[in-house]
Amino acid sequence: MEIDAVGLSGRPGTAVLLGEAKWRKKVDASALVWELRERSKALPSVAESPVYAVCARERLDNVPNGAVPITAAEVFGV
């Protein structure tokens, strides 16, 4: 079970941000968010409404409301 990024807040460290990155040109963001929701069940403490950050090299399709899409260009300034 792997989650690429987990942002914690407070004690005992509640997960408030969950992130997944794929080095593909195009990614279905809704599928990544679904995977993150499933994987988050293994964490000891998750916020009621965590932020989902999904990353791809060039483009994210089907971004659910509330998810944060990030591309390599935004990270690296390409």
PDB file of N, CA and C in Angstrom:
ATOM      1  N   MET A   1       0.853  -1.173   0.000  1.00  0.00           N
ATOM      2  CA  MET A   1       0.000   0.000   0.000  1.00  0.00           C
ATOM      3  C   MET A   1       0.895   1.230   0.000  1.00  0.00           C
ATOM      4  N   GLU A   2       0.701   2.091  -0.973  1.00  0.00           N
ATOM      5  CA  GLU A   2       1.546   3.276  -1.084  1.00  0.00           C
ATOM      6  C   GLU A   2       0.704   4.507  -1.407  1.00  0.00           C
ATOM      7  N   ILE A   3       1.010   5.581  -0.706  1.00  0.00           N
ATOM      8  CA  ILE A   3       0.442   6.893  -1.006  1.00  0.00           C
ATOM      9  C   ILE A   3       1.641   7.812  -1.178  1.00  0.00           C
ATOM     10  N   ASP A   4       1.723   8.508  -2.311  1.00  0.00           N
ATOM     11  CA  ASP A   4       2.905   9.310  -2.613  1.00  0.00           C
ATOM     12  C   ASP A   4       3.113  10.469  -1.646  1.00  0.00           C
ATOM     13  N   ALA A   5       2.051  11.112  -1.191  1.00  0.00           N
ATOM     14  CA  ALA A   5       2.198  12.252  -0.278  1.00  0.00           C
ATOM     15  C   ALA A   5       1.065  12.243   0.739  1.00  0.00           C
ATOM     16  N   VAL A   6       1.428  12.482   1.990  1.00  0.00           N
ATOM     17  CA  VAL A   6       0.437  12.594   3.063  1.00  0.00           C
ATOM     18  C   VAL A   6       0.800  13.821   3.887  1.00  0.00           C
ATOM     19  N   GLY A   7      -0.130  14.771   3.971  1.00  0.00           N
ATOM     20  CA  GLY A   7       0.063  15.952   4.803  1.00  0.00           C
ATOM     21  C   GLY A   7      -0.646  15.734   6.125  1.00  0.00           C
ATOM     22  N   LEU A   8       0.073  15.911   7.228  1.00  0.00           N
ATOM     23  CA  LEU A   8      -0.485  15.668   8.558  1.00  0.00           C
ATOM     24  C   LEU A   8      -0.715  16.971   9.306  1.00  0.00           C
ATOM     25  N   SER A   9      -1.707  16.950  10.192  1.00  0.00           N
ATOM     26  CA  SER A   9      -2.013  18.113  11.003  1.00  0.00           C
ATOM     27  C   SER A   9      -2.308  17.679  12.434  1.00  0.00           C
ATOM     28  N   GLY A  10      -1.811  18.450  13.362  1.00  0.00           N
ATOM     29  CA  GLY A  10      -2.116  18.225  14.766  1.00  0.00           C
ATOM     30  C   GLY A  10      -1.556  16.942  15.325  1.00  0.00           C
ATOM     31  N   ARG A  11      -2.046  16.624  16.495  1.00  0.00           N
ATOM     32  CA  ARG A  11      -1.665  15.373  17.144  1.00  0.00           C
ATOM     33  C   ARG A  11      -2.928  14.571  17.340  1.00  0.00           C
ATOM     34  N   PRO A  12      -2.991  13.364  16.933  1.00  0.00           N
ATOM     35  CA  PRO A  12      -1.903  12.428  16.646  1.00  0.00           C
ATOM     36  C   PRO A  12      -1.455  12.401  15.190  1.00  0.00           C
ATOM     37  N   GLY A  13      -1.602  13.437  14.455  1.00  0.00           N
ATOM     38  CA  GLY A  13      -1.174  13.456  13.060  1.00  0.00           C
ATOM     39  C   GLY A  13      -2.282  12.981  12.136  1.00  0.00           C
ATOM     40  N   THR A  14      -3.321  13.762  12.041  1.00  0.00           N
ATOM     41  CA  THR A  14      -4.447  13.432  11.168  1.00  0.00           C
ATOM     42  C   THR A  14      -4.086  13.784   9.729  1.00  0.00           C
ATOM     43  N   ALA A  15      -4.321  12.845   8.815  1.00  0.00           N
ATOM     44  CA  ALA A  15      -4.043  13.084   7.402  1.00  0.00           C
ATOM     45  C   ALA A  15      -5.072  14.075   6.855  1.00  0.00           C
ATOM     46  N   VAL A  16      -4.599  15.228   6.392  1.00  0.00           N
ATOM     47  CA  VAL A  16      -5.485  16.259   5.849  1.00  0.00           C
ATOM     48  C   VAL A  16      -5.282  16.437   4.345  1.00  0.00           C
ATOM     49  N   LEU A  17      -4.168  15.903   3.816  1.00  0.00           N
ATOM     50  CA  LEU A  17      -3.882  15.957   2.391  1.00  0.00           C
ATOM     51  C   LEU A  17      -3.339  14.606   1.954  1.00  0.00           C
ATOM     52  N   LEU A  18      -3.880  14.088   0.857  1.00  0.00           N
ATOM     53  CA  LEU A  18      -3.413  12.828   0.279  1.00  0.00           C
ATOM     54  C   LEU A  18      -3.069  13.101  -1.173  1.00  0.00           C
ATOM     55  N   GLY A  19      -1.888  12.664  -1.607  1.00  0.00           N
ATOM     56  CA  GLY A  19      -1.464  12.961  -2.965  1.00  0.00           C
ATOM     57  C   GLY A  19      -0.934  11.759  -3.713  1.00  0.00           C
ATOM     58  N   GLU A  20      -1.151  11.768  -5.004  1.00  0.00           N
ATOM     59  CA  GLU A  20      -0.668  10.705  -5.886  1.00  0.00           C
ATOM     60  C   GLU A  20      -0.127  11.339  -7.153  1.00  0.00           C
ATOM     61  N   ALA A  21       1.046  10.877  -7.601  1.00  0.00           N
ATOM     62  CA  ALA A  21       1.678  11.410  -8.808  1.00  0.00           C
ATOM     63  C   ALA A  21       1.957  10.284  -9.794  1.00  0.00           C
ATOM     64  N   LYS A  22       1.696  10.552 -11.056  1.00  0.00           N
ATOM     65  CA  LYS A  22       1.973   9.609 -12.147  1.00  0.00           C
ATOM     66  C   LYS A  22       2.794  10.329 -13.196  1.00  0.00           C
ATOM     67  N   TRP A  23       3.826   9.697 -13.708  1.00  0.00           N
ATOM     68  CA  TRP A  23       4.658  10.309 -14.732  1.00  0.00           C
ATOM     69  C   TRP A  23       4.175   9.877 -16.117  1.00  0.00           C
ATOM     70  N   ARG A  24       2.884  10.055 -16.332  1.00  0.00           N
ATOM     71  CA  ARG A  24       2.275   9.816 -17.641  1.00  0.00           C
ATOM     72  C   ARG A  24       1.831  11.161 -18.179  1.00  0.00           C
ATOM     73  N   LYS A  25       1.742  11.260 -19.505  1.00  0.00           N
ATOM     74  CA  LYS A  25       1.339  12.533 -20.107  1.00  0.00           C
ATOM     75  C   LYS A  25      -0.090  12.902 -19.741  1.00  0.00           C
ATOM     76  N   LYS A  26      -0.981  11.912 -19.677  1.00  0.00           N
ATOM     77  CA  LYS A  26      -2.393  12.169 -19.400  1.00  0.00           C
ATOM     78  C   LYS A  26      -2.873  11.181 -18.335  1.00  0.00           C
ATOM     79  N   VAL A  27      -3.610  11.697 -17.348  1.00  0.00           N
ATOM     80  CA  VAL A  27      -4.078  10.869 -16.234  1.00  0.00           C
ATOM     81  C   VAL A  27      -5.542  11.172 -15.957  1.00  0.00           C
ATOM     82  N   ASP A  28      -6.309  10.138 -15.625  1.00  0.00           N
ATOM     83  CA  ASP A  28      -7.699  10.286 -15.191  1.00  0.00           C
ATOM     84  C   ASP A  28      -7.683  10.591 -13.697  1.00  0.00           C
ATOM     85  N   ALA A  29      -7.898  11.841 -13.354  1.00  0.00           N
ATOM     86  CA  ALA A  29      -7.811  12.273 -11.955  1.00  0.00           C
ATOM     87  C   ALA A  29      -8.849  11.593 -11.071  1.00  0.00           C
ATOM     88  N   SER A  30     -10.030  11.325 -11.590  1.00  0.00           N
ATOM     89  CA  SER A  30     -11.062  10.683 -10.758  1.00  0.00           C
ATOM     90  C   SER A  30     -10.623   9.290 -10.325  1.00  0.00           C
ATOM     91  N   ALA A  31      -9.896   8.576 -11.180  1.00  0.00           N
ATOM     92  CA  ALA A  31      -9.395   7.248 -10.810  1.00  0.00           C
ATOM     93  C   ALA A  31      -8.346   7.361  -9.710  1.00  0.00           C
ATOM     94  N   LEU A  32      -7.489   8.384  -9.796  1.00  0.00           N
ATOM     95  CA  LEU A  32      -6.478   8.573  -8.751  1.00  0.00           C
ATOM     96  C   LEU A  32      -7.123   8.917  -7.414  1.00  0.00           C
ATOM     97  N   VAL A  33      -8.139   9.768  -7.442  1.00  0.00           N
ATOM     98  CA  VAL A  33      -8.827  10.129  -6.196  1.00  0.00           C
ATOM     99  C   VAL A  33      -9.500   8.898  -5.602  1.00  0.00           C
ATOM    100  N   TRP A  34     -10.107   8.069  -6.436  1.00  0.00           N
ATOM    101  CA  TRP A  34     -10.736   6.839  -5.941  1.00  0.00           C
ATOM    102  C   TRP A  34      -9.693   5.953  -5.264  1.00  0.00           C
ATOM    103  N   GLU A  35      -8.519   5.790  -5.915  1.00  0.00           N
ATOM    104  CA  GLU A  35      -7.443   4.990  -5.326  1.00  0.00           C
ATOM    105  C   GLU A  35      -6.999   5.568  -3.984  1.00  0.00           C
ATOM    106  N   LEU A  36      -6.865   6.886  -3.915  1.00  0.00           N
ATOM    107  CA  LEU A  36      -6.452   7.519  -2.659  1.00  0.00           C
ATOM    108  C   LEU A  36      -7.477   7.286  -1.556  1.00  0.00           C
ATOM    109  N   ARG A  37      -8.749   7.375  -1.890  1.00  0.00           N
ATOM    110  CA  ARG A  37      -9.798   7.119  -0.883  1.00  0.00           C
ATOM    111  C   ARG A  37      -9.692   5.698  -0.347  1.00  0.00           C
ATOM    112  N   GLU A  38      -9.473   4.751  -1.249  1.00  0.00           N
ATOM    113  CA  GLU A  38      -9.350   3.347  -0.827  1.00  0.00           C
ATOM    114  C   GLU A  38      -8.096   3.147   0.031  1.00  0.00           C
ATOM    115  N   ARG A  39      -6.981   3.681  -0.404  1.00  0.00           N
ATOM    116  CA  ARG A  39      -5.724   3.515   0.319  1.00  0.00           C
ATOM    117  C   ARG A  39      -5.739   4.225   1.668  1.00  0.00           C
ATOM    118  N   SER A  40      -6.485   5.328   1.759  1.00  0.00           N
ATOM    119  CA  SER A  40      -6.520   6.077   3.018  1.00  0.00           C
ATOM    120  C   SER A  40      -7.167   5.280   4.147  1.00  0.00           C
ATOM    121  N   LYS A  41      -7.913   4.246   3.801  1.00  0.00           N
ATOM    122  CA  LYS A  41      -8.546   3.402   4.830  1.00  0.00           C
ATOM    123  C   LYS A  41      -7.510   2.697   5.699  1.00  0.00           C
ATOM    124  N   ALA A  42      -6.281   2.580   5.198  1.00  0.00           N
ATOM    125  CA  ALA A  42      -5.215   1.924   5.958  1.00  0.00           C
ATOM    126  C   ALA A  42      -4.528   2.878   6.935  1.00  0.00           C
ATOM    127  N   LEU A  43      -4.805   4.175   6.826  1.00  0.00           N
ATOM    128  CA  LEU A  43      -4.180   5.157   7.707  1.00  0.00           C
ATOM    129  C   LEU A  43      -4.913   5.210   9.047  1.00  0.00           C
ATOM    130  N   PRO A  44      -4.193   5.494  10.125  1.00  0.00           N
ATOM    131  CA  PRO A  44      -4.829   5.513  11.445  1.00  0.00           C
ATOM    132  C   PRO A  44      -5.803   6.662  11.659  1.00  0.00           C
ATOM    133  N   SER A  45      -5.563   7.820  11.024  1.00  0.00           N
ATOM    134  CA  SER A  45      -6.429   8.971  11.256  1.00  0.00           C
ATOM    135  C   SER A  45      -6.475   9.834   9.999  1.00  0.00           C
ATOM    136  N   VAL A  46      -7.689  10.008   9.446  1.00  0.00           N
ATOM    137  CA  VAL A  46      -7.881  10.800   8.234  1.00  0.00           C
ATOM    138  C   VAL A  46      -8.975  11.826   8.500  1.00  0.00           C
ATOM    139  N   ALA A  47      -8.754  13.051   8.062  1.00  0.00           N
ATOM    140  CA  ALA A  47      -9.755  14.110   8.215  1.00  0.00           C
ATOM    141  C   ALA A  47     -11.047  13.708   7.513  1.00  0.00           C
ATOM    142  N   GLU A  48     -12.145  14.294   7.956  1.00  0.00           N
ATOM    143  CA  GLU A  48     -13.442  13.994   7.363  1.00  0.00           C
ATOM    144  C   GLU A  48     -13.473  14.321   5.871  1.00  0.00           C
ATOM    145  N   SER A  49     -12.866  15.424   5.488  1.00  0.00           N
ATOM    146  CA  SER A  49     -12.807  15.834   4.073  1.00  0.00           C
ATOM    147  C   SER A  49     -11.371  16.225   3.708  1.00  0.00           C
ATOM    148  N   PRO A  50     -10.501  15.237   3.488  1.00  0.00           N
ATOM    149  CA  PRO A  50      -9.124  15.585   3.152  1.00  0.00           C
ATOM    150  C   PRO A  50      -9.025  16.204   1.757  1.00  0.00           C
ATOM    151  N   VAL A  51      -7.954  16.913   1.510  1.00  0.00           N
ATOM    152  CA  VAL A  51      -7.654  17.457   0.181  1.00  0.00           C
ATOM    153  C   VAL A  51      -6.941  16.355  -0.597  1.00  0.00           C
ATOM    154  N   TYR A  52      -7.343  16.169  -1.849  1.00  0.00           N
ATOM    155  CA  TYR A  52      -6.693  15.198  -2.724  1.00  0.00           C
ATOM    156  C   TYR A  52      -5.891  15.951  -3.774  1.00  0.00           C
ATOM    157  N   ALA A  53      -4.574  15.741  -3.805  1.00  0.00           N
ATOM    158  CA  ALA A  53      -3.695  16.358  -4.796  1.00  0.00           C
ATOM    159  C   ALA A  53      -3.292  15.279  -5.793  1.00  0.00           C
ATOM    160  N   VAL A  54      -3.587  15.506  -7.063  1.00  0.00           N
ATOM    161  CA  VAL A  54      -3.284  14.524  -8.100  1.00  0.00           C
ATOM    162  C   VAL A  54      -2.368  15.164  -9.132  1.00  0.00           C
ATOM    163  N   CYS A  55      -1.322  14.441  -9.525  1.00  0.00           N
ATOM    164  CA  CYS A  55      -0.288  14.999 -10.378  1.00  0.00           C
ATOM    165  C   CYS A  55      -0.062  14.136 -11.612  1.00  0.00           C
ATOM    166  N   ALA A  56       0.217  14.811 -12.725  1.00  0.00           N
ATOM    167  CA  ALA A  56       0.560  14.145 -13.974  1.00  0.00           C
ATOM    168  C   ALA A  56       1.594  14.987 -14.695  1.00  0.00           C
ATOM    169  N   ARG A  57       2.232  14.388 -15.688  1.00  0.00           N
ATOM    170  CA  ARG A  57       3.278  15.120 -16.420  1.00  0.00           C
ATOM    171  C   ARG A  57       2.708  16.292 -17.205  1.00  0.00           C
ATOM    172  N   GLU A  58       1.586  16.063 -17.962  1.00  0.00           N
ATOM    173  CA  GLU A  58       1.066  17.136 -18.818  1.00  0.00           C
ATOM    174  C   GLU A  58      -0.402  17.495 -18.599  1.00  0.00           C
ATOM    175  N   ARG A  59      -1.264  16.498 -18.374  1.00  0.00           N
ATOM    176  CA  ARG A  59      -2.699  16.796 -18.335  1.00  0.00           C
ATOM    177  C   ARG A  59      -3.448  15.852 -17.402  1.00  0.00           C
ATOM    178  N   LEU A  60      -4.449  16.420 -16.699  1.00  0.00           N
ATOM    179  CA  LEU A  60      -5.344  15.633 -15.853  1.00  0.00           C
ATOM    180  C   LEU A  60      -6.766  15.810 -16.355  1.00  0.00           C
ATOM    181  N   ASP A  61      -7.433  14.705 -16.636  1.00  0.00           N
ATOM    182  CA  ASP A  61      -8.828  14.720 -17.076  1.00  0.00           C
ATOM    183  C   ASP A  61      -9.722  14.279 -15.927  1.00  0.00           C
ATOM    184  N   ASN A  62     -11.009  14.655 -16.001  1.00  0.00           N
ATOM    185  CA  ASN A  62     -12.024  14.218 -15.025  1.00  0.00           C
ATOM    186  C   ASN A  62     -11.624  14.551 -13.588  1.00  0.00           C
ATOM    187  N   VAL A  63     -11.219  15.783 -13.364  1.00  0.00           N
ATOM    188  CA  VAL A  63     -10.811  16.199 -12.018  1.00  0.00           C
ATOM    189  C   VAL A  63     -12.064  16.404 -11.166  1.00  0.00           C
ATOM    190  N   PRO A  64     -12.214  15.614 -10.087  1.00  0.00           N
ATOM    191  CA  PRO A  64     -13.390  15.781  -9.228  1.00  0.00           C
ATOM    192  C   PRO A  64     -13.365  17.119  -8.498  1.00  0.00           C
ATOM    193  N   ASN A  65     -14.534  17.616  -8.129  1.00  0.00           N
ATOM    194  CA  ASN A  65     -14.628  18.840  -7.330  1.00  0.00           C
ATOM    195  C   ASN A  65     -13.830  18.666  -6.049  1.00  0.00           C
ATOM    196  N   GLY A  66     -13.070  19.661  -5.722  1.00  0.00           N
ATOM    197  CA  GLY A  66     -12.300  19.623  -4.483  1.00  0.00           C
ATOM    198  C   GLY A  66     -10.911  19.027  -4.633  1.00  0.00           C
ATOM    199  N   ALA A  67     -10.633  18.333  -5.735  1.00  0.00           N
ATOM    200  CA  ALA A  67      -9.300  17.778  -5.950  1.00  0.00           C
ATOM    201  C   ALA A  67      -8.399  18.870  -6.531  1.00  0.00           C
ATOM    202  N   VAL A  68      -7.109  18.796  -6.224  1.00  0.00           N
ATOM    203  CA  VAL A  68      -6.151  19.784  -6.702  1.00  0.00           C
ATOM    204  C   VAL A  68      -5.298  19.129  -7.796  1.00  0.00           C
ATOM    205  N   PRO A  69      -5.464  19.563  -9.062  1.00  0.00           N
ATOM    206  CA  PRO A  69      -4.646  19.009 -10.133  1.00  0.00           C
ATOM    207  C   PRO A  69      -3.314  19.762 -10.259  1.00  0.00           C
ATOM    208  N   ILE A  70      -2.232  19.027 -10.451  1.00  0.00           N
ATOM    209  CA  ILE A  70      -0.905  19.627 -10.555  1.00  0.00           C
ATOM    210  C   ILE A  70      -0.177  18.942 -11.707  1.00  0.00           C
ATOM    211  N   THR A  71       0.450  19.735 -12.568  1.00  0.00           N
ATOM    212  CA  THR A  71       1.243  19.164 -13.659  1.00  0.00           C
ATOM    213  C   THR A  71       2.723  19.435 -13.421  1.00  0.00           C
ATOM    214  N   ALA A  72       3.549  18.713 -14.165  1.00  0.00           N
ATOM    215  CA  ALA A  72       5.001  18.905 -14.052  1.00  0.00           C
ATOM    216  C   ALA A  72       5.391  20.333 -14.391  1.00  0.00           C
ATOM    217  N   ALA A  73       4.715  20.931 -15.373  1.00  0.00           N
ATOM    218  CA  ALA A  73       5.013  22.312 -15.755  1.00  0.00           C
ATOM    219  C   ALA A  73       4.810  23.259 -14.573  1.00  0.00           C
ATOM    220  N   GLU A  74       3.795  22.993 -13.764  1.00  0.00           N
ATOM    221  CA  GLU A  74       3.536  23.849 -12.604  1.00  0.00           C
ATOM    222  C   GLU A  74       4.591  23.639 -11.518  1.00  0.00           C
ATOM    223  N   VAL A  75       5.092  22.430 -11.407  1.00  0.00           N
ATOM    224  CA  VAL A  75       6.093  22.142 -10.389  1.00  0.00           C
ATOM    225  C   VAL A  75       7.475  22.635 -10.814  1.00  0.00           C
ATOM    226  N   PHE A  76       7.839  22.350 -12.064  1.00  0.00           N
ATOM    227  CA  PHE A  76       9.186  22.627 -12.533  1.00  0.00           C
ATOM    228  C   PHE A  76       9.303  23.908 -13.344  1.00  0.00           C
ATOM    229  N   GLY A  77       8.185  24.579 -13.606  1.00  0.00           N
ATOM    230  CA  GLY A  77       8.216  25.806 -14.369  1.00  0.00           C
ATOM    231  C   GLY A  77       8.601  25.595 -15.820  1.00  0.00           C
ATOM    232  N   VAL A  78       8.211  24.440 -16.362  1.00  0.00           N
ATOM    233  CA  VAL A  78       8.551  24.089 -17.751  1.00  0.00           C
ATOM    234  C   VAL A  78       7.615  24.777 -18.708  1.00  0.00           C
TER     235      VAL A  78
END
